[in-house]
Amino acid sequence: MKKFPIYLFIILLSLLIGCSQTMEIPKDKVAPTLIRKLTELQQNHSDQIINFIGKCNSEVSPEIKEDLERSDISVHTVSKDIFTGSGNYKSILKIVIKDYIKWLETPRETHSIN
């Protein structure tokens, strides 16, 4: 019986460790409040759905909207290059690395005065 070469074992182990690490959130494309929320969800292994606002480098085309939806993002509204959407942290991390995404942030709360 042949022995498994140690260098192959080391390479396989390195690949497995590298693939299991959490994805880095691009700080230049994600607002600090959304980074905190995504980090919290990652650490808790939560699939909670959160709302966000996104800005694209160009107008949100039907192709971009379809790509967002294929990445498990629910697109709610679109106005030129801005959209609102929701998704869990995994789906948000999938889209933030897309070239057409300029930035993502959490929605601001508005209060009405009665």
N, C-alpha and C. Protein backbone atom coordinates (compact mmCIF):
# COMPACT_ATOMS: atom_id res chain seq x y z
N MET A 1 0.84 -1.18 0.00
CA MET A 1 0.00 0.00 0.00
C MET A 1 0.88 1.24 0.00
N LYS A 2 0.58 2.18 -0.90
CA LYS A 2 1.38 3.40 -0.99
C LYS A 2 1.00 4.37 0.12
N LYS A 3 2.01 5.11 0.57
CA LYS A 3 1.77 6.15 1.57
C LYS A 3 1.33 7.43 0.86
N PHE A 4 0.44 8.16 1.49
CA PHE A 4 -0.02 9.44 0.96
C PHE A 4 1.09 10.46 1.17
N PRO A 5 1.57 11.12 0.10
CA PRO A 5 2.66 12.08 0.26
C PRO A 5 2.27 13.23 1.20
N ILE A 6 3.17 13.55 2.10
CA ILE A 6 2.90 14.58 3.11
C ILE A 6 2.64 15.94 2.48
N TYR A 7 3.33 16.25 1.37
CA TYR A 7 3.12 17.57 0.76
C TYR A 7 1.70 17.71 0.21
N LEU A 8 1.11 16.63 -0.29
CA LEU A 8 -0.28 16.68 -0.74
C LEU A 8 -1.24 16.88 0.42
N PHE A 9 -0.93 16.24 1.53
CA PHE A 9 -1.74 16.41 2.73
C PHE A 9 -1.70 17.87 3.19
N ILE A 10 -0.54 18.47 3.19
CA ILE A 10 -0.39 19.88 3.62
C ILE A 10 -1.15 20.81 2.67
N ILE A 11 -1.05 20.56 1.37
CA ILE A 11 -1.77 21.39 0.40
C ILE A 11 -3.28 21.26 0.60
N LEU A 12 -3.77 20.05 0.76
CA LEU A 12 -5.21 19.84 0.99
C LEU A 12 -5.67 20.51 2.27
N LEU A 13 -4.90 20.38 3.33
CA LEU A 13 -5.25 20.99 4.60
C LEU A 13 -5.28 22.52 4.47
N SER A 14 -4.32 23.10 3.77
CA SER A 14 -4.29 24.54 3.55
C SER A 14 -5.50 25.02 2.78
N LEU A 15 -5.90 24.27 1.76
CA LEU A 15 -7.09 24.64 0.98
C LEU A 15 -8.34 24.58 1.83
N LEU A 16 -8.47 23.53 2.64
CA LEU A 16 -9.66 23.40 3.49
C LEU A 16 -9.74 24.52 4.51
N ILE A 17 -8.62 24.88 5.11
CA ILE A 17 -8.61 25.96 6.10
C ILE A 17 -8.94 27.28 5.42
N GLY A 18 -8.36 27.53 4.27
CA GLY A 18 -8.62 28.78 3.55
C GLY A 18 -10.06 28.93 3.13
N CYS A 19 -10.70 27.85 2.74
CA CYS A 19 -12.09 27.91 2.30
C CYS A 19 -13.06 28.07 3.46
N SER A 20 -12.67 27.68 4.64
CA SER A 20 -13.59 27.74 5.77
C SER A 20 -13.57 29.08 6.48
N GLN A 21 -12.61 29.94 6.18
CA GLN A 21 -12.56 31.23 6.84
C GLN A 21 -13.67 32.12 6.34
N THR A 22 -14.08 33.07 7.19
CA THR A 22 -15.15 33.97 6.80
C THR A 22 -14.62 34.98 5.78
N MET A 23 -15.53 35.43 4.96
CA MET A 23 -15.18 36.37 3.91
C MET A 23 -14.96 37.76 4.49
N GLU A 24 -13.96 38.44 4.02
CA GLU A 24 -13.67 39.80 4.44
C GLU A 24 -14.69 40.76 3.82
N ILE A 25 -15.23 41.65 4.64
CA ILE A 25 -16.20 42.63 4.17
C ILE A 25 -15.43 43.84 3.64
N PRO A 26 -15.61 44.20 2.37
CA PRO A 26 -14.88 45.35 1.80
C PRO A 26 -15.32 46.66 2.46
N LYS A 27 -14.46 47.23 3.27
CA LYS A 27 -14.80 48.43 4.03
C LYS A 27 -14.99 49.67 3.15
N ASP A 28 -14.46 49.65 1.95
CA ASP A 28 -14.62 50.79 1.05
C ASP A 28 -15.98 50.79 0.34
N LYS A 29 -16.72 49.68 0.44
CA LYS A 29 -18.00 49.57 -0.24
C LYS A 29 -19.18 49.38 0.71
N VAL A 30 -18.91 49.27 2.00
CA VAL A 30 -19.97 48.99 2.97
C VAL A 30 -19.88 49.99 4.12
N ALA A 31 -21.01 50.62 4.44
CA ALA A 31 -21.06 51.59 5.54
C ALA A 31 -20.77 50.90 6.87
N PRO A 32 -20.14 51.62 7.80
CA PRO A 32 -19.78 51.03 9.11
C PRO A 32 -20.95 50.39 9.85
N THR A 33 -22.13 50.98 9.81
CA THR A 33 -23.27 50.38 10.52
C THR A 33 -23.66 49.02 9.91
N LEU A 34 -23.56 48.92 8.59
CA LEU A 34 -23.88 47.65 7.94
C LEU A 34 -22.76 46.64 8.18
N ILE A 35 -21.52 47.09 8.24
CA ILE A 35 -20.41 46.18 8.57
C ILE A 35 -20.63 45.57 9.94
N ARG A 36 -21.00 46.40 10.92
CA ARG A 36 -21.25 45.88 12.28
C ARG A 36 -22.37 44.84 12.28
N LYS A 37 -23.45 45.14 11.56
CA LYS A 37 -24.58 44.20 11.51
C LYS A 37 -24.18 42.89 10.83
N LEU A 38 -23.47 42.98 9.70
CA LEU A 38 -23.04 41.77 8.99
C LEU A 38 -22.09 40.94 9.84
N THR A 39 -21.17 41.60 10.52
CA THR A 39 -20.21 40.89 11.39
C THR A 39 -20.94 40.16 12.51
N GLU A 40 -21.93 40.83 13.10
CA GLU A 40 -22.72 40.22 14.16
C GLU A 40 -23.47 38.99 13.64
N LEU A 41 -24.06 39.11 12.47
CA LEU A 41 -24.79 37.98 11.89
C LEU A 41 -23.85 36.82 11.56
N GLN A 42 -22.66 37.14 11.04
CA GLN A 42 -21.67 36.09 10.74
C GLN A 42 -21.27 35.35 12.00
N GLN A 43 -20.96 36.10 13.05
CA GLN A 43 -20.50 35.49 14.30
C GLN A 43 -21.57 34.61 14.93
N ASN A 44 -22.83 35.00 14.76
CA ASN A 44 -23.94 34.23 15.33
C ASN A 44 -24.47 33.16 14.37
N HIS A 45 -23.87 33.07 13.19
CA HIS A 45 -24.32 32.13 12.16
C HIS A 45 -25.81 32.28 11.91
N SER A 46 -26.26 33.54 11.87
CA SER A 46 -27.68 33.85 11.71
C SER A 46 -28.02 34.04 10.23
N ASP A 47 -29.18 33.56 9.85
CA ASP A 47 -29.70 33.78 8.50
C ASP A 47 -30.76 34.87 8.49
N GLN A 48 -30.71 35.74 9.51
CA GLN A 48 -31.67 36.84 9.61
C GLN A 48 -31.60 37.70 8.35
N ILE A 49 -32.75 38.10 7.86
CA ILE A 49 -32.85 38.96 6.69
C ILE A 49 -32.77 40.42 7.16
N ILE A 50 -31.91 41.20 6.50
CA ILE A 50 -31.80 42.61 6.85
C ILE A 50 -32.01 43.46 5.59
N ASN A 51 -32.51 44.65 5.82
CA ASN A 51 -32.75 45.61 4.74
C ASN A 51 -31.51 46.46 4.53
N PHE A 52 -31.31 46.90 3.30
CA PHE A 52 -30.18 47.77 3.00
C PHE A 52 -30.50 48.61 1.77
N ILE A 53 -29.69 49.62 1.56
CA ILE A 53 -29.77 50.48 0.38
C ILE A 53 -28.46 50.30 -0.37
N GLY A 54 -28.56 50.18 -1.69
CA GLY A 54 -27.37 50.02 -2.51
C GLY A 54 -27.29 51.07 -3.60
N LYS A 55 -26.06 51.39 -3.97
CA LYS A 55 -25.82 52.30 -5.08
C LYS A 55 -24.93 51.57 -6.07
N CYS A 56 -25.30 51.64 -7.34
CA CYS A 56 -24.52 50.99 -8.39
C CYS A 56 -23.70 52.04 -9.15
N ASN A 57 -22.73 51.58 -9.90
CA ASN A 57 -21.90 52.47 -10.72
C ASN A 57 -22.65 53.01 -11.93
N SER A 58 -23.76 52.37 -12.27
CA SER A 58 -24.59 52.82 -13.39
C SER A 58 -26.04 52.56 -13.01
N GLU A 59 -26.95 52.93 -13.88
CA GLU A 59 -28.37 52.70 -13.64
C GLU A 59 -28.62 51.19 -13.45
N VAL A 60 -29.53 50.87 -12.55
CA VAL A 60 -29.86 49.46 -12.29
C VAL A 60 -30.66 48.94 -13.48
N SER A 61 -30.01 48.15 -14.30
CA SER A 61 -30.63 47.58 -15.49
C SER A 61 -31.40 46.31 -15.10
N PRO A 62 -32.24 45.82 -16.01
CA PRO A 62 -32.91 44.55 -15.74
C PRO A 62 -31.90 43.41 -15.50
N GLU A 63 -30.74 43.47 -16.17
CA GLU A 63 -29.71 42.43 -15.99
C GLU A 63 -29.11 42.50 -14.59
N ILE A 64 -28.86 43.72 -14.09
CA ILE A 64 -28.32 43.87 -12.74
C ILE A 64 -29.35 43.40 -11.72
N LYS A 65 -30.60 43.79 -11.90
CA LYS A 65 -31.65 43.36 -10.98
C LYS A 65 -31.76 41.83 -10.97
N GLU A 66 -31.69 41.22 -12.13
CA GLU A 66 -31.75 39.76 -12.22
C GLU A 66 -30.56 39.11 -11.52
N ASP A 67 -29.37 39.71 -11.68
CA ASP A 67 -28.17 39.18 -11.03
C ASP A 67 -28.29 39.29 -9.51
N LEU A 68 -28.83 40.39 -9.02
CA LEU A 68 -29.04 40.55 -7.58
C LEU A 68 -29.99 39.46 -7.06
N GLU A 69 -31.06 39.24 -7.79
CA GLU A 69 -32.03 38.24 -7.37
C GLU A 69 -31.47 36.82 -7.45
N ARG A 70 -30.59 36.56 -8.42
CA ARG A 70 -29.93 35.24 -8.48
C ARG A 70 -28.99 35.05 -7.29
N SER A 71 -28.54 36.15 -6.70
CA SER A 71 -27.67 36.09 -5.52
C SER A 71 -28.48 36.07 -4.22
N ASP A 72 -29.77 35.77 -4.33
CA ASP A 72 -30.69 35.67 -3.18
C ASP A 72 -30.97 37.00 -2.50
N ILE A 73 -30.93 38.08 -3.26
CA ILE A 73 -31.31 39.41 -2.77
C ILE A 73 -32.72 39.71 -3.26
N SER A 74 -33.57 40.18 -2.37
CA SER A 74 -34.89 40.66 -2.77
C SER A 74 -34.76 42.14 -3.07
N VAL A 75 -35.02 42.52 -4.30
CA VAL A 75 -34.96 43.93 -4.69
C VAL A 75 -36.35 44.51 -4.51
N HIS A 76 -36.44 45.59 -3.72
CA HIS A 76 -37.74 46.18 -3.41
C HIS A 76 -38.06 47.37 -4.31
N THR A 77 -37.17 48.34 -4.37
CA THR A 77 -37.40 49.51 -5.21
C THR A 77 -36.12 49.85 -5.96
N VAL A 78 -36.29 50.49 -7.10
CA VAL A 78 -35.15 50.92 -7.92
C VAL A 78 -35.44 52.35 -8.39
N SER A 79 -34.44 53.21 -8.25
CA SER A 79 -34.52 54.57 -8.77
C SER A 79 -33.16 54.93 -9.35
N LYS A 80 -33.07 54.84 -10.66
CA LYS A 80 -31.82 55.08 -11.39
C LYS A 80 -30.73 54.14 -10.91
N ASP A 81 -29.72 54.67 -10.19
CA ASP A 81 -28.60 53.82 -9.75
C ASP A 81 -28.70 53.40 -8.28
N ILE A 82 -29.83 53.70 -7.64
CA ILE A 82 -30.05 53.35 -6.23
C ILE A 82 -31.14 52.28 -6.15
N PHE A 83 -30.96 51.33 -5.23
CA PHE A 83 -32.00 50.32 -5.01
C PHE A 83 -32.09 50.00 -3.54
N THR A 84 -33.25 49.53 -3.13
CA THR A 84 -33.40 48.99 -1.78
C THR A 84 -33.57 47.49 -1.91
N GLY A 85 -33.05 46.79 -0.94
CA GLY A 85 -33.14 45.34 -1.00
C GLY A 85 -33.04 44.73 0.38
N SER A 86 -33.13 43.43 0.41
CA SER A 86 -32.96 42.68 1.66
C SER A 86 -32.34 41.33 1.34
N GLY A 87 -31.65 40.82 2.34
CA GLY A 87 -31.01 39.52 2.21
C GLY A 87 -30.30 39.15 3.49
N ASN A 88 -29.84 37.92 3.58
CA ASN A 88 -29.05 37.53 4.74
C ASN A 88 -27.58 37.89 4.48
N TYR A 89 -26.73 37.70 5.48
CA TYR A 89 -25.35 38.15 5.33
C TYR A 89 -24.63 37.43 4.19
N LYS A 90 -24.95 36.17 3.95
CA LYS A 90 -24.28 35.44 2.86
C LYS A 90 -24.62 36.04 1.50
N SER A 91 -25.90 36.37 1.30
CA SER A 91 -26.29 36.95 0.01
C SER A 91 -25.74 38.36 -0.16
N ILE A 92 -25.67 39.13 0.92
CA ILE A 92 -25.12 40.48 0.83
C ILE A 92 -23.63 40.42 0.52
N LEU A 93 -22.92 39.47 1.13
CA LEU A 93 -21.49 39.32 0.83
C LEU A 93 -21.26 38.89 -0.61
N LYS A 94 -22.20 38.14 -1.18
CA LYS A 94 -22.09 37.74 -2.59
C LYS A 94 -22.14 38.95 -3.52
N ILE A 95 -23.01 39.91 -3.20
CA ILE A 95 -23.17 41.03 -4.13
C ILE A 95 -22.19 42.16 -3.92
N VAL A 96 -21.69 42.32 -2.69
CA VAL A 96 -20.82 43.46 -2.42
C VAL A 96 -19.52 43.39 -3.23
N ILE A 97 -19.13 42.19 -3.65
CA ILE A 97 -17.90 42.05 -4.44
C ILE A 97 -18.14 42.26 -5.93
N LYS A 98 -19.40 42.43 -6.31
CA LYS A 98 -19.71 42.65 -7.73
C LYS A 98 -19.16 44.00 -8.17
N ASP A 99 -18.67 44.07 -9.40
CA ASP A 99 -18.09 45.31 -9.93
C ASP A 99 -19.11 46.44 -10.02
N TYR A 100 -20.36 46.11 -10.27
CA TYR A 100 -21.36 47.16 -10.45
C TYR A 100 -21.83 47.79 -9.14
N ILE A 101 -21.50 47.19 -7.99
CA ILE A 101 -21.90 47.75 -6.70
C ILE A 101 -20.89 48.81 -6.27
N LYS A 102 -21.40 50.02 -6.01
CA LYS A 102 -20.54 51.11 -5.54
C LYS A 102 -20.48 51.13 -4.02
N TRP A 103 -21.64 51.03 -3.35
CA TRP A 103 -21.68 50.96 -1.89
C TRP A 103 -23.01 50.42 -1.40
N LEU A 104 -23.00 49.95 -0.16
CA LEU A 104 -24.20 49.46 0.52
C LEU A 104 -24.24 50.09 1.91
N GLU A 105 -25.45 50.39 2.38
CA GLU A 105 -25.61 50.94 3.73
C GLU A 105 -26.95 50.51 4.30
N THR A 106 -27.10 50.70 5.61
CA THR A 106 -28.39 50.41 6.24
C THR A 106 -29.32 51.59 6.01
N PRO A 107 -30.62 51.34 5.95
CA PRO A 107 -31.56 52.45 5.76
C PRO A 107 -31.58 53.35 6.99
N ARG A 108 -31.78 54.62 6.76
CA ARG A 108 -31.90 55.56 7.87
C ARG A 108 -33.35 55.55 8.34
N GLU A 109 -33.52 55.67 9.66
CA GLU A 109 -34.86 55.73 10.20
C GLU A 109 -35.41 57.14 10.06
N THR A 110 -36.67 57.24 9.71
CA THR A 110 -37.33 58.53 9.68
C THR A 110 -38.43 58.54 10.73
N HIS A 111 -38.62 59.69 11.33
CA HIS A 111 -39.63 59.83 12.37
C HIS A 111 -40.61 60.90 11.97
N SER A 112 -41.87 60.63 12.13
CA SER A 112 -42.88 61.64 11.82
C SER A 112 -43.27 62.35 13.10
N ILE A 113 -43.58 63.62 12.96
CA ILE A 113 -44.02 64.42 14.10
C ILE A 113 -45.53 64.55 14.00
N ASN A 114 -46.21 64.13 15.04
CA ASN A 114 -47.68 64.20 15.04
C ASN A 114 -48.16 65.46 15.73
